[in-house]
PDB file of N, CA and C in Angstrom:
ATOM      1  N   MET A   1      77.825 106.499  79.861  1.00  0.00           N
ATOM      2  CA  MET A   1      78.335 107.012  81.109  1.00  0.00           C
ATOM      3  C   MET A   1      77.883 108.465  81.231  1.00  0.00           C
ATOM      4  N   LYS A   2      77.391 108.812  82.421  1.00  0.00           N
ATOM      5  CA  LYS A   2      76.904 110.172  82.640  1.00  0.00           C
ATOM      6  C   LYS A   2      77.750 110.878  83.697  1.00  0.00           C
ATOM      7  N   ILE A   3      77.788 112.170  83.592  1.00  0.00           N
ATOM      8  CA  ILE A   3      78.441 113.003  84.597  1.00  0.00           C
ATOM      9  C   ILE A   3      77.416 113.280  85.682  1.00  0.00           C
ATOM     10  N   THR A   4      77.817 113.132  86.956  1.00  0.00           N
ATOM     11  CA  THR A   4      76.894 113.381  88.060  1.00  0.00           C
ATOM     12  C   THR A   4      76.680 114.877  88.241  1.00  0.00           C
ATOM     13  N   SER A   5      75.730 115.215  89.122  1.00  0.00           N
ATOM     14  CA  SER A   5      75.457 116.637  89.394  1.00  0.00           C
ATOM     15  C   SER A   5      76.667 117.332  90.019  1.00  0.00           C
ATOM     16  N   LYS A   6      77.583 116.553  90.593  1.00  0.00           N
ATOM     17  CA  LYS A   6      78.813 117.116  91.169  1.00  0.00           C
ATOM     18  C   LYS A   6      79.959 117.149  90.161  1.00  0.00           C
ATOM     19  N   GLY A   7      79.701 116.745  88.923  1.00  0.00           N
ATOM     20  CA  GLY A   7      80.730 116.763  87.891  1.00  0.00           C
ATOM     21  C   GLY A   7      81.636 115.548  87.922  1.00  0.00           C
ATOM     22  N   GLN A   8      81.189 114.475  88.563  1.00  0.00           N
ATOM     23  CA  GLN A   8      82.016 113.284  88.696  1.00  0.00           C
ATOM     24  C   GLN A   8      81.685 112.234  87.649  1.00  0.00           C
ATOM     25  N   VAL A   9      82.726 111.493  87.261  1.00  0.00           N
ATOM     26  CA  VAL A   9      82.580 110.378  86.334  1.00  0.00           C
ATOM     27  C   VAL A   9      83.398 109.227  86.915  1.00  0.00           C
ATOM     28  N   THR A  10      82.892 108.012  86.833  1.00  0.00           N
ATOM     29  CA  THR A  10      83.627 106.846  87.294  1.00  0.00           C
ATOM     30  C   THR A  10      84.486 106.313  86.160  1.00  0.00           C
ATOM     31  N   ILE A  11      85.778 106.169  86.428  1.00  0.00           N
ATOM     32  CA  ILE A  11      86.675 105.564  85.443  1.00  0.00           C
ATOM     33  C   ILE A  11      86.495 104.056  85.569  1.00  0.00           C
ATOM     34  N   PRO A  12      86.165 103.377  84.488  1.00  0.00           N
ATOM     35  CA  PRO A  12      85.945 101.929  84.570  1.00  0.00           C
ATOM     36  C   PRO A  12      87.162 101.202  85.141  1.00  0.00           C
ATOM     37  N   LYS A  13      86.909 100.153  85.942  1.00  0.00           N
ATOM     38  CA  LYS A  13      87.965  99.404  86.609  1.00  0.00           C
ATOM     39  C   LYS A  13      89.008  98.887  85.628  1.00  0.00           C
ATOM     40  N   GLN A  14      88.562  98.383  84.493  1.00  0.00           N
ATOM     41  CA  GLN A  14      89.502  97.862  83.491  1.00  0.00           C
ATOM     42  C   GLN A  14      90.483  98.952  83.059  1.00  0.00           C
ATOM     43  N   MET A  15      90.003 100.176  82.896  1.00  0.00           N
ATOM     44  CA  MET A  15      90.869 101.290  82.499  1.00  0.00           C
ATOM     45  C   MET A  15      91.789 101.702  83.657  1.00  0.00           C
ATOM     46  N   ARG A  16      91.259 101.750  84.885  1.00  0.00           N
ATOM     47  CA  ARG A  16      92.089 102.088  86.051  1.00  0.00           C
ATOM     48  C   ARG A  16      93.217 101.086  86.212  1.00  0.00           C
ATOM     49  N   ASP A  17      92.879  99.799  86.069  1.00  0.00           N
ATOM     50  CA  ASP A  17      93.898  98.755  86.194  1.00  0.00           C
ATOM     51  C   ASP A  17      94.942  98.850  85.082  1.00  0.00           C
ATOM     52  N   ALA A  18      94.488  99.086  83.874  1.00  0.00           N
ATOM     53  CA  ALA A  18      95.396  99.129  82.723  1.00  0.00           C
ATOM     54  C   ALA A  18      96.393 100.286  82.817  1.00  0.00           C
ATOM     55  N   PHE A  19      95.958 101.402  83.408  1.00  0.00           N
ATOM     56  CA  PHE A  19      96.812 102.586  83.446  1.00  0.00           C
ATOM     57  C   PHE A  19      97.368 102.892  84.834  1.00  0.00           C
ATOM     58  N   GLY A  20      97.090 102.006  85.797  1.00  0.00           N
ATOM     59  CA  GLY A  20      97.666 102.173  87.131  1.00  0.00           C
ATOM     60  C   GLY A  20      97.067 103.311  87.927  1.00  0.00           C
ATOM     61  N   PHE A  21      95.802 103.605  87.725  1.00  0.00           N
ATOM     62  CA  PHE A  21      95.126 104.642  88.502  1.00  0.00           C
ATOM     63  C   PHE A  21      94.630 104.020  89.803  1.00  0.00           C
ATOM     64  N   LEU A  22      95.474 104.025  90.823  1.00  0.00           N
ATOM     65  CA  LEU A  22      95.137 103.468  92.124  1.00  0.00           C
ATOM     66  C   LEU A  22      94.431 104.520  92.969  1.00  0.00           C
ATOM     67  N   PRO A  23      93.761 104.100  94.048  1.00  0.00           N
ATOM     68  CA  PRO A  23      93.154 105.103  94.940  1.00  0.00           C
ATOM     69  C   PRO A  23      94.213 106.093  95.415  1.00  0.00           C
ATOM     70  N   GLY A  24      93.908 107.361  95.371  1.00  0.00           N
ATOM     71  CA  GLY A  24      94.844 108.400  95.775  1.00  0.00           C
ATOM     72  C   GLY A  24      95.709 108.924  94.648  1.00  0.00           C
ATOM     73  N   THR A  25      95.625 108.318  93.466  1.00  0.00           N
ATOM     74  CA  THR A  25      96.404 108.792  92.322  1.00  0.00           C
ATOM     75  C   THR A  25      95.904 110.180  91.925  1.00  0.00           C
ATOM     76  N   GLU A  26      96.816 111.119  91.790  1.00  0.00           N
ATOM     77  CA  GLU A  26      96.440 112.459  91.339  1.00  0.00           C
ATOM     78  C   GLU A  26      96.384 112.466  89.824  1.00  0.00           C
ATOM     79  N   VAL A  27      95.315 113.037  89.289  1.00  0.00           N
ATOM     80  CA  VAL A  27      95.148 113.110  87.847  1.00  0.00           C
ATOM     81  C   VAL A  27      94.962 114.558  87.427  1.00  0.00           C
ATOM     82  N   GLU A  28      95.180 114.800  86.163  1.00  0.00           N
ATOM     83  CA  GLU A  28      94.910 116.121  85.599  1.00  0.00           C
ATOM     84  C   GLU A  28      94.164 115.951  84.293  1.00  0.00           C
ATOM     85  N   PHE A  29      93.430 116.955  83.936  1.00  0.00           N
ATOM     86  CA  PHE A  29      92.633 116.941  82.709  1.00  0.00           C
ATOM     87  C   PHE A  29      93.293 117.853  81.696  1.00  0.00           C
ATOM     88  N   VAL A  30      93.551 117.290  80.525  1.00  0.00           N
ATOM     89  CA  VAL A  30      94.240 118.034  79.472  1.00  0.00           C
ATOM     90  C   VAL A  30      93.258 118.243  78.326  1.00  0.00           C
ATOM     91  N   PRO A  31      92.926 119.497  78.025  1.00  0.00           N
ATOM     92  CA  PRO A  31      91.971 119.746  76.945  1.00  0.00           C
ATOM     93  C   PRO A  31      92.581 119.475  75.574  1.00  0.00           C
ATOM     94  N   GLY A  32      91.806 118.830  74.731  1.00  0.00           N
ATOM     95  CA  GLY A  32      92.201 118.603  73.345  1.00  0.00           C
ATOM     96  C   GLY A  32      91.336 119.470  72.448  1.00  0.00           C
ATOM     97  N   GLU A  33      91.365 119.170  71.180  1.00  0.00           N
ATOM     98  CA  GLU A  33      90.573 119.945  70.223  1.00  0.00           C
ATOM     99  C   GLU A  33      89.073 119.785  70.490  1.00  0.00           C
ATOM    100  N   SER A  34      88.632 118.538  70.632  1.00  0.00           N
ATOM    101  CA  SER A  34      87.209 118.293  70.902  1.00  0.00           C
ATOM    102  C   SER A  34      87.033 117.194  71.941  1.00  0.00           C
ATOM    103  N   GLU A  35      88.078 116.999  72.769  1.00  0.00           N
ATOM    104  CA  GLU A  35      88.022 115.965  73.797  1.00  0.00           C
ATOM    105  C   GLU A  35      88.843 116.390  75.000  1.00  0.00           C
ATOM    106  N   ILE A  36      88.709 115.641  76.063  1.00  0.00           N
ATOM    107  CA  ILE A  36      89.493 115.886  77.275  1.00  0.00           C
ATOM    108  C   ILE A  36      90.274 114.613  77.572  1.00  0.00           C
ATOM    109  N   HIS A  37      91.557 114.756  77.831  1.00  0.00           N
ATOM    110  CA  HIS A  37      92.404 113.617  78.180  1.00  0.00           C
ATOM    111  C   HIS A  37      92.632 113.625  79.686  1.00  0.00           C
ATOM    112  N   VAL A  38      92.565 112.455  80.304  1.00  0.00           N
ATOM    113  CA  VAL A  38      92.858 112.299  81.724  1.00  0.00           C
ATOM    114  C   VAL A  38      94.202 111.586  81.824  1.00  0.00           C
ATOM    115  N   ARG A  39      95.109 112.155  82.627  1.00  0.00           N
ATOM    116  CA  ARG A  39      96.405 111.507  82.803  1.00  0.00           C
ATOM    117  C   ARG A  39      96.872 111.707  84.243  1.00  0.00           C
ATOM    118  N   LYS A  40      97.853 110.891  84.636  1.00  0.00           N
ATOM    119  CA  LYS A  40      98.424 111.051  85.967  1.00  0.00           C
ATOM    120  C   LYS A  40      99.070 112.429  86.045  1.00  0.00           C
ATOM    121  N   ALA A  41      98.866 113.091  87.164  1.00  0.00           N
ATOM    122  CA  ALA A  41      99.447 114.415  87.350  1.00  0.00           C
ATOM    123  C   ALA A  41     100.962 114.304  87.417  1.00  0.00           C
ATOM    124  N   VAL A  42     101.652 115.190  86.743  1.00  0.00           N
ATOM    125  CA  VAL A  42     103.109 115.162  86.732  1.00  0.00           C
ATOM    126  C   VAL A  42     103.707 116.264  87.594  1.00  0.00           C
ATOM    127  N   ARG A  43     102.911 117.203  88.018  1.00  0.00           N
ATOM    128  CA  ARG A  43     103.465 118.337  88.754  1.00  0.00           C
ATOM    129  C   ARG A  43     103.319 118.228  90.265  1.00  0.00           C
ATOM    130  N   GLY A  44     102.452 117.343  90.747  1.00  0.00           N
ATOM    131  CA  GLY A  44     102.232 117.228  92.179  1.00  0.00           C
ATOM    132  C   GLY A  44     103.395 116.570  92.894  1.00  0.00           C
ATOM    133  N   ARG A  45     103.677 117.049  94.115  1.00  0.00           N
ATOM    134  CA  ARG A  45     104.719 116.428  94.921  1.00  0.00           C
ATOM    135  C   ARG A  45     104.113 115.294  95.726  1.00  0.00           C
ATOM    136  N   ARG A  46     104.906 114.288  95.965  1.00  0.00           N
ATOM    137  CA  ARG A  46     104.476 113.207  96.842  1.00  0.00           C
ATOM    138  C   ARG A  46     104.488 113.707  98.269  1.00  0.00           C
ATOM    139  N   ARG A  47     103.749 113.011  99.118  1.00  0.00           N
ATOM    140  CA  ARG A  47     103.637 113.428 100.516  1.00  0.00           C
ATOM    141  C   ARG A  47     105.001 113.535 101.182  1.00  0.00           C
ATOM    142  N   GLY A  48     105.865 112.569 100.957  1.00  0.00           N
ATOM    143  CA  GLY A  48     107.198 112.592 101.559  1.00  0.00           C
ATOM    144  C   GLY A  48     108.009 113.803 101.126  1.00  0.00           C
ATOM    145  N   GLU A  49     107.896 114.152  99.852  1.00  0.00           N
ATOM    146  CA  GLU A  49     108.617 115.325  99.345  1.00  0.00           C
ATOM    147  C   GLU A  49     108.091 116.592  99.990  1.00  0.00           C
ATOM    148  N   ALA A  50     106.785 116.660 100.209  1.00  0.00           N
ATOM    149  CA  ALA A  50     106.183 117.830 100.848  1.00  0.00           C
ATOM    150  C   ALA A  50     106.649 117.951 102.297  1.00  0.00           C
ATOM    151  N   VAL A  51     106.755 116.824 102.996  1.00  0.00           N
ATOM    152  CA  VAL A  51     107.216 116.839 104.386  1.00  0.00           C
ATOM    153  C   VAL A  51     108.661 117.321 104.457  1.00  0.00           C
ATOM    154  N   VAL A  52     109.511 116.801 103.588  1.00  0.00           N
ATOM    155  CA  VAL A  52     110.922 117.209 103.575  1.00  0.00           C
ATOM    156  C   VAL A  52     111.038 118.701 103.267  1.00  0.00           C
ATOM    157  N   ALA A  53     110.280 119.185 102.308  1.00  0.00           N
ATOM    158  CA  ALA A  53     110.312 120.615 101.972  1.00  0.00           C
ATOM    159  C   ALA A  53     109.887 121.457 103.171  1.00  0.00           C
ATOM    160  N   HIS A  54     108.857 120.997 103.877  1.00  0.00           N
ATOM    161  CA  HIS A  54     108.380 121.723 105.059  1.00  0.00           C
ATOM    162  C   HIS A  54     109.472 121.777 106.128  1.00  0.00           C
ATOM    163  N   LEU A  55     110.125 120.646 106.379  1.00  0.00           N
ATOM    164  CA  LEU A  55     111.176 120.608 107.393  1.00  0.00           C
ATOM    165  C   LEU A  55     112.363 121.481 107.007  1.00  0.00           C
ATOM    166  N   ARG A  56     112.695 121.513 105.739  1.00  0.00           N
ATOM    167  CA  ARG A  56     113.800 122.378 105.297  1.00  0.00           C
ATOM    168  C   ARG A  56     113.468 123.844 105.544  1.00  0.00           C
ATOM    169  N   GLU A  57     112.231 124.226 105.282  1.00  0.00           N
ATOM    170  CA  GLU A  57     111.811 125.608 105.522  1.00  0.00           C
ATOM    171  C   GLU A  57     111.833 125.918 107.010  1.00  0.00           C
ATOM    172  N   ALA A  58     111.360 124.982 107.831  1.00  0.00           N
ATOM    173  CA  ALA A  58     111.320 125.199 109.275  1.00  0.00           C
ATOM    174  C   ALA A  58     112.726 125.385 109.827  1.00  0.00           C
ATOM    175  N   GLY A  59     113.699 124.682 109.276  1.00  0.00           N
ATOM    176  CA  GLY A  59     115.074 124.773 109.746  1.00  0.00           C
ATOM    177  C   GLY A  59     115.749 126.094 109.435  1.00  0.00           C
ATOM    178  N   LYS A  60     115.225 126.838 108.495  1.00  0.00           N
ATOM    179  CA  LYS A  60     115.855 128.109 108.116  1.00  0.00           C
ATOM    180  C   LYS A  60     115.765 129.152 109.224  1.00  0.00           C
ATOM    181  N   ASN A  61     114.771 129.039 110.088  1.00  0.00           N
ATOM    182  CA  ASN A  61     114.588 130.023 111.158  1.00  0.00           C
ATOM    183  C   ASN A  61     115.243 129.592 112.468  1.00  0.00           C
ATOM    184  N   TYR A  62     115.982 128.518 112.432  1.00  0.00           N
ATOM    185  CA  TYR A  62     116.630 127.988 113.622  1.00  0.00           C
ATOM    186  C   TYR A  62     117.900 128.781 113.868  1.00  0.00           C
ATOM    187  N   THR A  63     118.078 129.289 115.091  1.00  0.00           N
ATOM    188  CA  THR A  63     119.179 130.223 115.335  1.00  0.00           C
ATOM    189  C   THR A  63     120.382 129.616 116.056  1.00  0.00           C
ATOM    190  N   MET A  64     120.292 128.358 116.496  1.00  0.00           N
ATOM    191  CA  MET A  64     121.422 127.753 117.203  1.00  0.00           C
ATOM    192  C   MET A  64     122.501 127.330 116.213  1.00  0.00           C
ATOM    193  N   THR A  65     123.747 127.457 116.651  1.00  0.00           N
ATOM    194  CA  THR A  65     124.863 126.986 115.826  1.00  0.00           C
ATOM    195  C   THR A  65     124.998 125.474 115.991  1.00  0.00           C
ATOM    196  N   THR A  66     125.756 124.866 115.129  1.00  0.00           N
ATOM    197  CA  THR A  66     125.992 123.426 115.225  1.00  0.00           C
ATOM    198  C   THR A  66     126.636 123.070 116.554  1.00  0.00           C
ATOM    199  N   ASP A  67     127.606 123.871 116.997  1.00  0.00           N
ATOM    200  CA  ASP A  67     128.274 123.619 118.276  1.00  0.00           C
ATOM    201  C   ASP A  67     127.277 123.690 119.432  1.00  0.00           C
ATOM    202  N   GLU A  68     126.357 124.657 119.397  1.00  0.00           N
ATOM    203  CA  GLU A  68     125.354 124.781 120.458  1.00  0.00           C
ATOM    204  C   GLU A  68     124.422 123.566 120.475  1.00  0.00           C
ATOM    205  N   VAL A  69     124.031 123.096 119.316  1.00  0.00           N
ATOM    206  CA  VAL A  69     123.170 121.918 119.228  1.00  0.00           C
ATOM    207  C   VAL A  69     123.901 120.701 119.773  1.00  0.00           C
ATOM    208  N   MET A  70     125.167 120.534 119.408  1.00  0.00           N
ATOM    209  CA  MET A  70     125.954 119.392 119.875  1.00  0.00           C
ATOM    210  C   MET A  70     126.101 119.414 121.397  1.00  0.00           C
ATOM    211  N   ARG A  71     126.375 120.591 121.975  1.00  0.00           N
ATOM    212  CA  ARG A  71     126.488 120.709 123.434  1.00  0.00           C
ATOM    213  C   ARG A  71     125.160 120.355 124.103  1.00  0.00           C
ATOM    214  N   LEU A  72     124.051 120.790 123.509  1.00  0.00           N
ATOM    215  CA  LEU A  72     122.732 120.514 124.053  1.00  0.00           C
ATOM    216  C   LEU A  72     122.423 119.020 124.016  1.00  0.00           C
ATOM    217  N   THR A  73     122.727 118.363 122.911  1.00  0.00           N
ATOM    218  CA  THR A  73     122.428 116.937 122.787  1.00  0.00           C
ATOM    219  C   THR A  73     123.342 116.083 123.666  1.00  0.00           C
ATOM    220  N   ARG A  74     124.530 116.590 123.974  1.00  0.00           N
ATOM    221  CA  ARG A  74     125.454 115.841 124.824  1.00  0.00           C
ATOM    222  C   ARG A  74     125.216 116.135 126.304  1.00  0.00           C
ATOM    223  N   GLY A  75     124.350 117.091 126.610  1.00  0.00           N
ATOM    224  CA  GLY A  75     124.076 117.447 128.005  1.00  0.00           C
ATOM    225  C   GLY A  75     125.139 118.321 128.608  1.00  0.00           C
ATOM    226  N   GLU A  76     125.935 118.977 127.775  1.00  0.00           N
ATOM    227  CA  GLU A  76     126.967 119.875 128.278  1.00  0.00           C
ATOM    228  C   GLU A  76     126.366 121.244 128.530  1.00  0.00           C
ATOM    229  N   ASN A  77     126.977 121.976 129.449  1.00  0.00           N
ATOM    230  CA  ASN A  77     126.496 123.340 129.742  1.00  0.00           C
ATOM    231  C   ASN A  77     127.200 124.368 128.942  1.00  0.00           C
TER     232      ASN A  77
END
């Protein structure tokens, strides 16, 4: 197996299947003494978690009170 000019290597299908490396799986490279280990990334957030975090941050700058929001949603003046 050779590394391409872009630094890419294909993980054999048998290995991907055995370890659950599906398309879109985030991996990380862990240096060893004289080898490199590839494993599923443990620090990355899933897309859903990133969306929730974004929405929580966006809500911090919201200036309406709960009562004001309730009046607005009920169509009250």
